[in-house]
Amino acid sequence: MATVEVKVPDIGDFSEVAVIEVLVKAGDVVKVEQSLITVESDKASMEIPSSHAGVVKELKVQLGDKVREGSLVMVLEAQGEATAAAAGPAPVAPAAASAAPAAASPSAAVTAAAAPTAIPAVQALPPVAAQAAHAPLAASTQGLPHASPSVRKFARELGVPLHEVKGSGAKGRIMQADVQAFTKSVMAGTVQTAAQAASAPGAGAAGEGLGLIPWPKTDFAKFGPIQRKELGRIKKISGANLLRNAVMIPAVTNHEDADITELEAFRVATNKENEKVGVKVTMLAFLVKACVAALKKFPEFNSSLDGDELVYKQYWHIGFAADTPNGLVVPVVKNADQKGILQIGQEMGELARKAREGKLGPADMSGATFTISSLGGIGGRYFTPIINAPEVAILGVCKSQMEPVWNGQEFVARLMLPLSLTWDHRVIDGAAAARFNAYLCQILADFRRIIL
């Protein structure tokens, strides 16, 4: 058997990454594309696959080591000539994505502006212009994307939705390089945004371009003991996007209270009925469905600005903030209009589990047309969520509480849910926002309206 050196493939624009997990040991038999180690950058974790099948003869890395493209991972006694190169560049499977994608920017310092993903190996591929990661193409409604079976398989392994990829081949055919470019654009989007934000006038800490006085520089230690901690990965990534969205979008927030007394009783009864099958529906699942109905009635809330044009989307993908040990991320429930409450609840539970485990892929966090940022499990009354560009609105939800409500004859105890709708004043005016909120409250008060 031939001895083969397995090296780290292209991992994108990172000089080096840390090894956080070793998945095999000397003597193990590995297959082509089997994961060998897990590495972590400042944005995401990714698994490095084997380019050959064989027996691990010697490990060249250990936990904590720093590796880069071309670093030697291990030496294999190869079995035959089967290599990942024979079938094309070996993909690096996403393992533990640790940052939010371009999906949402709830006020709790979260943005999904660039969902992290692992980067596949590249072997002398032609340069392909990176496209926007969250701009589903109209061609998706015209049948299956034009791509070969091998490219489709490659896209599935990376979790890339082909209908969002622009093909560079003949007659728009999607090539493997296009899938790789799409994946890189998702991961590099936040880096580029941060760089642009850092270099753009007024985006720096001093705010010179906005005509502001310099940011104060203070020696905090002279006032008392201090402790310094590095900002978390998600906050590092989200900061520039939050700043851009907060500064560039003329945002206004409307507050409203929805009576969910009957809906909560129905939710509790539904969960009891489905207790044996393990399906638990939260109020957020009902909110997703209610928002879809409101978005259909007021389509400008499901649109995006593109220069002087308004793009009305004919799909309803709802993002929701999920709390994780590493911070907030925003998974997306795709085609929520085509799913029932139980299916939405089950899918949200699965997405939230993947978020906590750091296993969300780019497809899980991309394409949102509207976002819900819920603090219902924590508390609070109202807040002002930050709109995630290119969306034009976001709904903030706080903890419901019993309140006395006048019914025309007497005060009665009702369960009221505080809602905070933030909207882009370039697209939406105050009257439309008030009508959206009022309609949403009507649906939540009597969910039968959703079938009308």
Protein backbone atom coordinates (compact mmCIF):
# COMPACT_ATOMS: atom_id res chain seq x y z
CA MET A 1 0.00 0.00 0.00
CA ALA A 2 1.16 3.51 -0.78
CA THR A 3 1.75 6.03 1.97
CA VAL A 4 -0.26 9.21 1.50
CA GLU A 5 -0.06 12.54 3.28
CA VAL A 6 -3.43 14.10 4.10
CA LYS A 7 -3.29 17.88 4.26
CA VAL A 8 -5.66 20.70 5.16
CA PRO A 9 -7.59 21.86 2.04
CA ASP A 10 -8.58 25.43 1.24
CA ILE A 11 -10.28 26.90 4.32
CA GLY A 12 -11.02 30.31 2.92
CA ASP A 13 -9.44 33.58 3.96
CA PHE A 14 -7.92 32.35 7.21
CA SER A 15 -4.18 32.34 7.82
CA GLU A 16 -4.55 29.64 10.46
CA VAL A 17 -7.23 27.95 12.54
CA ALA A 18 -7.15 25.99 15.78
CA VAL A 19 -7.71 22.24 16.05
CA ILE A 20 -10.51 21.75 18.57
CA GLU A 21 -11.28 18.07 18.02
CA VAL A 22 -9.42 15.01 16.69
CA LEU A 23 -11.90 12.43 15.39
CA VAL A 24 -9.57 9.52 14.56
CA LYS A 25 -6.50 7.86 16.01
CA ALA A 26 -3.56 5.83 14.74
CA GLY A 27 -4.71 2.46 13.43
CA ASP A 28 -8.22 3.59 12.49
CA VAL A 29 -9.59 2.74 9.06
CA VAL A 30 -10.99 5.82 7.33
CA LYS A 31 -13.02 6.32 4.18
CA VAL A 32 -12.81 8.99 1.52
CA GLU A 33 -14.37 12.23 2.80
CA GLN A 34 -14.60 10.90 6.37
CA SER A 35 -14.07 13.69 8.90
CA LEU A 36 -10.63 13.60 10.53
CA ILE A 37 -10.37 16.73 12.66
CA THR A 38 -12.49 19.76 13.56
CA VAL A 39 -10.97 23.21 13.29
CA GLU A 40 -12.36 26.51 14.46
CA SER A 41 -11.91 30.02 13.12
CA ASP A 42 -13.17 33.19 14.75
CA LYS A 43 -16.48 32.66 12.93
CA ALA A 44 -17.18 28.98 12.51
CA SER A 45 -16.10 25.44 13.13
CA MET A 46 -15.57 23.01 10.27
CA GLU A 47 -14.55 19.42 9.78
CA ILE A 48 -11.57 18.48 7.63
CA PRO A 49 -12.26 15.35 5.53
CA SER A 50 -9.89 12.66 4.34
CA SER A 51 -8.81 12.84 0.71
CA HIS A 52 -8.02 9.11 0.65
CA ALA A 53 -9.27 5.86 2.09
CA GLY A 54 -6.86 3.86 4.20
CA VAL A 55 -5.42 3.19 7.63
CA VAL A 56 -4.18 6.01 9.84
CA LYS A 57 -0.45 5.44 10.21
CA GLU A 58 0.54 8.59 12.06
CA LEU A 59 -1.25 11.67 13.38
CA LYS A 60 0.57 14.94 12.80
CA VAL A 61 -1.76 17.25 14.75
CA GLN A 62 -3.20 17.36 18.24
CA LEU A 63 -5.71 19.44 20.16
CA GLY A 64 -4.80 23.09 20.29
CA ASP A 65 -2.48 23.05 17.28
CA LYS A 66 -2.78 25.83 14.70
CA VAL A 67 -3.09 24.67 11.09
CA ARG A 68 -3.53 26.36 7.73
CA GLU A 69 -4.07 25.34 4.13
CA GLY A 70 -1.47 22.73 3.26
CA SER A 71 -0.69 21.74 6.86
CA LEU A 72 -0.05 18.02 7.27
CA VAL A 73 -2.87 16.34 9.20
CA MET A 74 -1.83 12.69 9.11
CA VAL A 75 -0.11 9.97 7.16
CA LEU A 76 -2.28 7.18 5.69
CA GLU A 77 -1.56 3.80 4.24
CA ALA A 78 -3.87 4.31 1.27
CA GLN A 79 -6.15 1.54 0.06
CA GLY A 80 -6.32 1.65 -3.73
CA GLU A 81 -6.41 4.88 -5.65
CA ALA A 82 -9.78 6.16 -4.42
CA THR A 83 -9.42 9.80 -3.55
CA ALA A 84 -11.73 12.69 -3.07
CA ALA A 85 -9.99 14.38 -5.97
CA ALA A 86 -11.31 11.71 -8.28
CA ALA A 87 -14.81 12.87 -7.63
CA GLY A 88 -13.91 16.53 -7.35
CA PRO A 89 -12.72 18.67 -4.46
CA ALA A 90 -13.54 17.16 -1.10
CA PRO A 91 -16.13 19.20 0.73
CA VAL A 92 -15.62 20.28 4.30
CA ALA A 93 -18.81 19.55 6.19
CA PRO A 94 -20.11 22.24 8.50
CA ALA A 95 -19.72 21.09 12.10
CA ALA A 96 -20.51 23.80 14.57
CA ALA A 97 -21.43 27.09 13.04
CA SER A 98 -21.03 29.66 15.77
CA ALA A 99 -22.33 32.87 14.29
CA ALA A 100 -25.56 34.29 12.88
CA PRO A 101 -26.34 34.40 9.16
CA ALA A 102 -27.89 37.24 7.04
CA ALA A 103 -31.21 36.58 8.40
CA ALA A 104 -32.01 38.90 11.21
CA SER A 105 -30.83 41.63 13.53
CA PRO A 106 -32.93 41.54 16.70
CA SER A 107 -32.08 44.19 19.25
CA ALA A 108 -30.40 41.68 21.53
CA ALA A 109 -27.21 42.18 19.52
CA VAL A 110 -27.82 39.47 16.99
CA THR A 111 -27.58 39.41 13.24
CA ALA A 112 -27.58 36.69 10.72
CA ALA A 113 -26.00 38.81 8.05
CA ALA A 114 -23.63 36.06 7.08
CA ALA A 115 -24.30 32.53 8.15
CA PRO A 116 -20.93 30.80 8.62
CA THR A 117 -20.17 27.63 6.81
CA ALA A 118 -17.25 25.42 6.06
CA ILE A 119 -15.27 26.00 2.89
CA PRO A 120 -14.68 23.15 0.45
CA ALA A 121 -11.30 22.36 -1.04
CA VAL A 122 -10.50 24.22 -4.25
CA GLN A 123 -8.36 22.75 -6.99
CA ALA A 124 -7.43 25.30 -9.66
CA LEU A 125 -11.01 26.43 -10.15
CA PRO A 126 -11.73 29.47 -12.29
CA PRO A 127 -12.52 32.66 -10.37
CA VAL A 128 -16.23 33.17 -9.80
CA ALA A 129 -17.74 36.37 -8.55
CA ALA A 130 -19.29 35.91 -5.13
CA GLN A 131 -23.00 36.59 -5.13
CA ALA A 132 -25.24 37.83 -2.38
CA ALA A 133 -25.98 34.98 -0.04
CA HIS A 134 -29.59 35.81 0.61
CA ALA A 135 -31.15 36.74 -2.69
CA PRO A 136 -33.31 33.83 -3.85
CA LEU A 137 -33.47 33.84 -7.61
CA ALA A 138 -36.66 34.13 -9.60
CA ALA A 139 -35.46 31.17 -11.61
CA SER A 140 -36.37 28.93 -8.71
CA THR A 141 -39.98 29.17 -9.82
CA GLN A 142 -39.14 27.97 -13.31
CA GLY A 143 -38.24 24.39 -12.45
CA LEU A 144 -35.15 22.67 -11.12
CA PRO A 145 -31.86 24.59 -11.25
CA HIS A 146 -29.67 23.65 -14.22
CA ALA A 147 -26.89 21.53 -12.67
CA SER A 148 -25.32 18.11 -13.03
CA PRO A 149 -26.02 15.29 -10.52
CA SER A 150 -22.51 15.62 -9.05
CA VAL A 151 -23.00 19.34 -8.45
CA ARG A 152 -26.39 18.67 -6.85
CA LYS A 153 -24.79 16.11 -4.53
CA PHE A 154 -22.01 18.56 -3.69
CA ALA A 155 -24.58 21.27 -2.87
CA ARG A 156 -26.59 18.90 -0.67
CA GLU A 157 -23.48 17.99 1.32
CA LEU A 158 -22.83 21.67 2.02
CA GLY A 159 -26.49 22.52 2.69
CA VAL A 160 -26.56 25.01 -0.19
CA PRO A 161 -29.96 25.76 -1.79
CA LEU A 162 -29.25 25.52 -5.53
CA HIS A 163 -32.11 27.83 -6.46
CA GLU A 164 -30.21 30.65 -4.73
CA VAL A 165 -27.01 30.04 -6.70
CA LYS A 166 -26.33 31.88 -9.96
CA GLY A 167 -24.75 29.62 -12.57
CA SER A 168 -21.70 30.72 -14.54
CA GLY A 169 -21.78 27.87 -17.07
CA ALA A 170 -23.36 27.71 -20.49
CA LYS A 171 -27.03 28.74 -20.43
CA GLY A 172 -26.82 29.46 -16.70
CA ARG A 173 -25.64 25.97 -15.75
CA ILE A 174 -24.54 25.84 -12.09
CA MET A 175 -20.97 24.63 -11.77
CA GLN A 176 -19.21 23.28 -8.70
CA ALA A 177 -17.24 26.53 -8.53
CA ASP A 178 -20.54 28.44 -8.30
CA VAL A 179 -21.58 26.40 -5.26
CA GLN A 180 -18.21 27.05 -3.66
CA ALA A 181 -18.45 30.76 -4.43
CA PHE A 182 -21.92 30.90 -2.89
CA THR A 183 -20.67 29.15 0.25
CA LYS A 184 -17.69 31.50 0.51
CA SER A 185 -19.93 34.53 0.02
CA VAL A 186 -22.05 33.46 3.00
CA MET A 187 -19.01 33.12 5.20
CA ALA A 188 -17.08 36.12 3.85
CA GLY A 189 -20.08 38.42 3.80
CA THR A 190 -19.64 39.52 7.42
CA VAL A 191 -15.91 39.96 7.02
CA GLN A 192 -16.43 42.20 4.00
CA THR A 193 -19.19 44.06 5.74
CA ALA A 194 -17.02 44.62 8.78
CA ALA A 195 -14.17 45.83 6.58
CA GLN A 196 -16.47 48.11 4.66
CA ALA A 197 -17.96 49.39 7.89
CA ALA A 198 -14.50 50.02 9.29
CA SER A 199 -13.39 51.95 6.22
CA ALA A 200 -16.65 53.75 5.48
CA PRO A 201 -17.02 57.37 6.60
CA GLY A 202 -18.58 57.56 10.02
CA ALA A 203 -18.34 53.83 10.62
CA GLY A 204 -15.22 53.96 12.78
CA ALA A 205 -15.25 54.25 16.52
CA ALA A 206 -14.50 57.98 16.31
CA GLY A 207 -17.44 58.65 13.96
CA GLU A 208 -15.56 61.38 12.10
CA GLY A 209 -17.57 61.00 8.88
CA LEU A 210 -20.80 61.76 10.73
CA GLY A 211 -19.39 64.97 12.14
CA LEU A 212 -19.37 63.55 15.67
CA ILE A 213 -16.87 64.36 18.37
CA PRO A 214 -14.22 61.64 18.92
CA TRP A 215 -15.10 58.57 20.95
CA PRO A 216 -13.98 59.11 24.56
CA LYS A 217 -10.76 57.37 25.57
CA THR A 218 -10.75 56.62 29.25
CA ASP A 219 -8.30 54.93 31.60
CA PHE A 220 -10.92 52.96 33.51
CA ALA A 221 -8.34 51.43 35.85
CA LYS A 222 -7.67 54.73 37.55
CA PHE A 223 -11.20 54.69 38.95
CA GLY A 224 -11.06 51.18 40.35
CA PRO A 225 -10.39 47.50 39.58
CA ILE A 226 -11.31 46.33 36.08
CA GLN A 227 -11.31 43.09 34.13
CA ARG A 228 -10.98 42.81 30.35
CA LYS A 229 -12.63 40.07 28.30
CA GLU A 230 -12.52 39.64 24.56
CA LEU A 231 -15.81 40.29 22.79
CA GLY A 232 -17.56 37.05 21.78
CA ARG A 233 -17.48 35.83 18.19
CA ILE A 234 -21.11 36.52 17.44
CA LYS A 235 -20.93 40.06 18.78
CA LYS A 236 -17.77 40.71 16.80
CA ILE A 237 -19.49 39.59 13.63
CA SER A 238 -22.82 41.27 14.29
CA GLY A 239 -21.53 44.62 15.48
CA ALA A 240 -20.74 46.15 12.09
CA ASN A 241 -24.03 44.96 10.60
CA LEU A 242 -26.05 46.27 13.52
CA LEU A 243 -24.31 49.62 13.27
CA ARG A 244 -24.93 49.81 9.51
CA ASN A 245 -28.60 48.90 9.85
CA ALA A 246 -29.20 51.22 12.78
CA VAL A 247 -27.54 54.17 11.04
CA MET A 248 -28.75 53.68 7.46
CA ILE A 249 -32.37 52.59 8.01
CA PRO A 250 -34.83 55.28 9.10
CA ALA A 251 -36.58 52.96 11.54
CA VAL A 252 -39.77 53.60 13.50
CA THR A 253 -41.36 51.29 16.09
CA ASN A 254 -45.06 50.80 16.83
CA HIS A 255 -46.13 49.12 20.07
CA GLU A 256 -49.34 47.15 20.51
CA ASP A 257 -50.86 44.59 22.88
CA ALA A 258 -52.53 41.45 21.54
CA ASP A 259 -55.19 39.56 23.50
CA ILE A 260 -54.06 35.93 23.38
CA THR A 261 -56.29 34.57 26.14
CA GLU A 262 -58.17 32.08 23.96
CA LEU A 263 -55.13 31.30 21.83
CA GLU A 264 -53.06 30.39 24.87
CA ALA A 265 -55.83 28.10 26.14
CA PHE A 266 -55.93 26.43 22.71
CA ARG A 267 -52.13 26.08 22.68
CA VAL A 268 -52.12 24.39 26.10
CA ALA A 269 -54.91 22.02 25.05
CA THR A 270 -53.07 21.22 21.80
CA ASN A 271 -49.90 20.33 23.67
CA LYS A 272 -51.82 18.03 26.00
CA GLU A 273 -53.36 16.22 23.04
CA ASN A 274 -49.97 15.76 21.40
CA GLU A 275 -48.05 15.00 24.57
CA LYS A 276 -47.64 11.33 23.67
CA VAL A 277 -46.10 12.06 20.26
CA GLY A 278 -43.62 14.51 21.73
CA VAL A 279 -44.73 17.59 19.77
CA LYS A 280 -44.76 20.76 21.86
CA VAL A 281 -46.02 23.96 20.28
CA THR A 282 -44.90 27.34 21.62
CA MET A 283 -46.68 30.65 21.15
CA LEU A 284 -43.93 31.55 18.72
CA ALA A 285 -45.20 28.93 16.26
CA PHE A 286 -48.61 30.62 16.25
CA LEU A 287 -46.89 33.99 15.81
CA VAL A 288 -45.04 32.70 12.75
CA LYS A 289 -48.30 31.63 11.12
CA ALA A 290 -50.05 34.85 12.12
CA CYS A 291 -47.22 36.95 10.68
CA VAL A 292 -47.45 35.11 7.37
CA ALA A 293 -51.13 36.03 7.15
CA ALA A 294 -50.33 39.67 7.95
CA LEU A 295 -47.49 39.73 5.43
CA LYS A 296 -49.80 38.44 2.72
CA LYS A 297 -52.34 41.15 3.51
CA PHE A 298 -49.66 43.84 3.65
CA PRO A 299 -47.07 42.68 1.07
CA GLU A 300 -44.79 45.72 1.44
CA PHE A 301 -43.68 44.24 4.77
CA ASN A 302 -42.42 41.19 2.86
CA SER A 303 -40.38 43.26 0.41
CA SER A 304 -36.86 44.67 0.05
CA LEU A 305 -35.43 47.86 -1.39
CA ASP A 306 -33.19 47.39 -4.43
CA GLY A 307 -32.05 50.82 -5.53
CA ASP A 308 -35.16 52.70 -6.62
CA GLU A 309 -37.19 49.50 -6.92
CA LEU A 310 -39.17 47.58 -4.34
CA VAL A 311 -38.83 43.80 -4.62
CA TYR A 312 -42.00 42.01 -3.53
CA LYS A 313 -41.16 38.44 -2.53
CA GLN A 314 -43.59 35.67 -3.36
CA TYR A 315 -42.28 33.41 -0.60
CA TRP A 316 -42.61 33.68 3.15
CA HIS A 317 -39.51 32.65 5.10
CA ILE A 318 -39.72 33.64 8.77
CA GLY A 319 -36.59 34.02 10.90
CA PHE A 320 -36.70 33.66 14.68
CA ALA A 321 -34.09 34.43 17.31
CA ALA A 322 -32.73 31.37 19.12
CA ASP A 323 -30.72 31.68 22.32
CA THR A 324 -27.53 29.58 22.44
CA PRO A 325 -24.55 29.33 24.82
CA ASN A 326 -22.55 31.38 22.30
CA GLY A 327 -25.19 34.05 21.75
CA LEU A 328 -28.26 34.59 19.61
CA VAL A 329 -28.57 33.15 16.12
CA VAL A 330 -31.51 33.34 13.75
CA PRO A 331 -32.69 30.14 12.05
CA VAL A 332 -35.29 30.47 9.30
CA VAL A 333 -38.53 28.56 8.82
CA LYS A 334 -38.77 28.29 5.04
CA ASN A 335 -42.13 28.43 3.24
CA ALA A 336 -44.02 28.95 6.48
CA ASP A 337 -47.17 29.64 4.49
CA GLN A 338 -47.23 26.00 3.34
CA LYS A 339 -46.90 24.49 6.84
CA GLY A 340 -49.30 23.91 9.69
CA ILE A 341 -48.76 24.96 13.29
CA LEU A 342 -47.61 21.50 14.41
CA GLN A 343 -45.12 21.25 11.55
CA ILE A 344 -43.81 24.76 12.23
CA GLY A 345 -43.47 23.97 15.93
CA GLN A 346 -41.62 20.75 15.22
CA GLU A 347 -39.29 22.43 12.70
CA MET A 348 -38.58 25.31 15.08
CA GLY A 349 -37.72 22.85 17.83
CA GLU A 350 -35.30 21.04 15.53
CA LEU A 351 -33.70 24.29 14.34
CA ALA A 352 -33.36 25.52 17.92
CA ARG A 353 -31.68 22.23 18.90
CA LYS A 354 -29.22 22.54 16.02
CA ALA A 355 -28.56 26.14 17.04
CA ARG A 356 -27.71 25.14 20.62
CA GLU A 357 -25.39 22.43 19.32
CA GLY A 358 -23.78 24.85 16.87
CA LYS A 359 -24.78 22.76 13.86
CA LEU A 360 -26.81 25.24 11.83
CA GLY A 361 -25.74 25.38 8.19
CA PRO A 362 -25.97 28.36 5.84
CA ALA A 363 -29.24 27.11 4.37
CA ASP A 364 -30.77 27.06 7.88
CA MET A 365 -30.04 30.75 8.41
CA SER A 366 -30.53 32.36 5.01
CA GLY A 367 -33.36 33.83 3.00
CA ALA A 368 -35.55 35.31 5.75
CA THR A 369 -38.14 37.81 4.53
CA PHE A 370 -39.35 38.82 8.00
CA THR A 371 -37.98 38.18 11.48
CA ILE A 372 -39.45 37.67 14.94
CA SER A 373 -37.26 38.51 17.94
CA SER A 374 -38.91 37.06 21.04
CA LEU A 375 -37.97 37.79 24.64
CA GLY A 376 -41.14 36.11 25.86
CA GLY A 377 -39.35 33.50 27.94
CA ILE A 378 -37.34 36.15 29.76
CA GLY A 379 -39.51 39.17 30.43
CA GLY A 380 -39.74 42.85 29.59
CA ARG A 381 -42.53 44.98 28.24
CA TYR A 382 -41.50 46.54 24.92
CA PHE A 383 -38.26 47.05 23.01
CA THR A 384 -37.01 48.35 19.67
CA PRO A 385 -35.53 45.55 17.54
CA ILE A 386 -33.07 46.53 14.81
CA ILE A 387 -34.16 45.73 11.25
CA ASN A 388 -32.02 43.22 9.41
CA ALA A 389 -31.17 44.51 5.96
CA PRO A 390 -32.40 43.78 3.37
CA GLU A 391 -35.64 43.11 5.24
CA VAL A 392 -37.87 46.11 5.89
CA ALA A 393 -39.50 45.12 9.18
CA ILE A 394 -38.99 43.03 12.32
CA LEU A 395 -41.37 42.08 15.12
CA GLY A 396 -40.29 42.19 18.76
CA VAL A 397 -42.27 40.11 21.26
CA CYS A 398 -42.11 40.33 25.05
CA LYS A 399 -43.58 38.31 27.90
CA SER A 400 -47.36 38.07 28.08
CA GLN A 401 -49.11 38.92 31.33
CA MET A 402 -52.61 39.06 32.77
CA GLU A 403 -54.15 42.54 32.74
CA PRO A 404 -57.55 44.05 33.51
CA VAL A 405 -59.23 44.96 30.21
CA TRP A 406 -62.49 46.92 29.86
CA ASN A 407 -65.01 45.01 27.75
CA GLY A 408 -67.62 47.76 27.64
CA GLN A 409 -69.34 46.75 30.86
CA GLU A 410 -66.63 45.67 33.26
CA PHE A 411 -62.95 44.95 33.66
CA VAL A 412 -62.00 41.35 32.93
CA ALA A 413 -58.68 39.55 33.25
CA ARG A 414 -57.09 38.95 29.85
CA LEU A 415 -53.70 37.58 28.80
CA MET A 416 -51.99 40.36 26.81
CA LEU A 417 -48.94 39.92 24.58
CA PRO A 418 -46.75 43.02 24.01
CA LEU A 419 -45.70 43.48 20.37
CA SER A 420 -43.09 45.91 18.99
CA LEU A 421 -43.06 46.32 15.21
CA THR A 422 -40.04 48.15 13.79
CA TRP A 423 -40.29 49.21 10.15
CA ASP A 424 -38.30 51.01 7.45
CA HIS A 425 -39.92 54.40 6.86
CA ARG A 426 -38.57 54.52 3.29
CA VAL A 427 -40.90 51.66 2.41
CA ILE A 428 -43.65 51.75 5.01
CA ASP A 429 -45.62 54.64 6.44
CA GLY A 430 -47.19 54.95 9.88
CA ALA A 431 -50.72 54.17 8.76
CA ALA A 432 -49.66 50.88 7.12
CA ALA A 433 -47.68 49.89 10.22
CA ALA A 434 -50.66 50.60 12.47
CA ARG A 435 -52.92 48.51 10.21
CA PHE A 436 -50.39 45.65 10.18
CA ASN A 437 -50.24 45.62 13.97
CA ALA A 438 -54.01 45.85 14.30
CA TYR A 439 -54.56 43.00 11.86
CA LEU A 440 -51.94 40.86 13.57
CA CYS A 441 -53.66 41.45 16.92
CA GLN A 442 -57.03 40.49 15.41
CA ILE A 443 -55.62 37.16 14.21
CA LEU A 444 -54.00 36.40 17.57
CA ALA A 445 -57.22 37.26 19.38
CA ASP A 446 -59.28 34.96 17.16
CA PHE A 447 -57.07 32.54 15.24
CA ARG A 448 -60.02 31.40 13.11
CA ARG A 449 -59.47 34.56 11.06
CA ILE A 450 -56.35 32.95 9.59
CA ILE A 451 -58.48 30.68 7.37
CA LEU A 452 -60.49 33.57 5.92
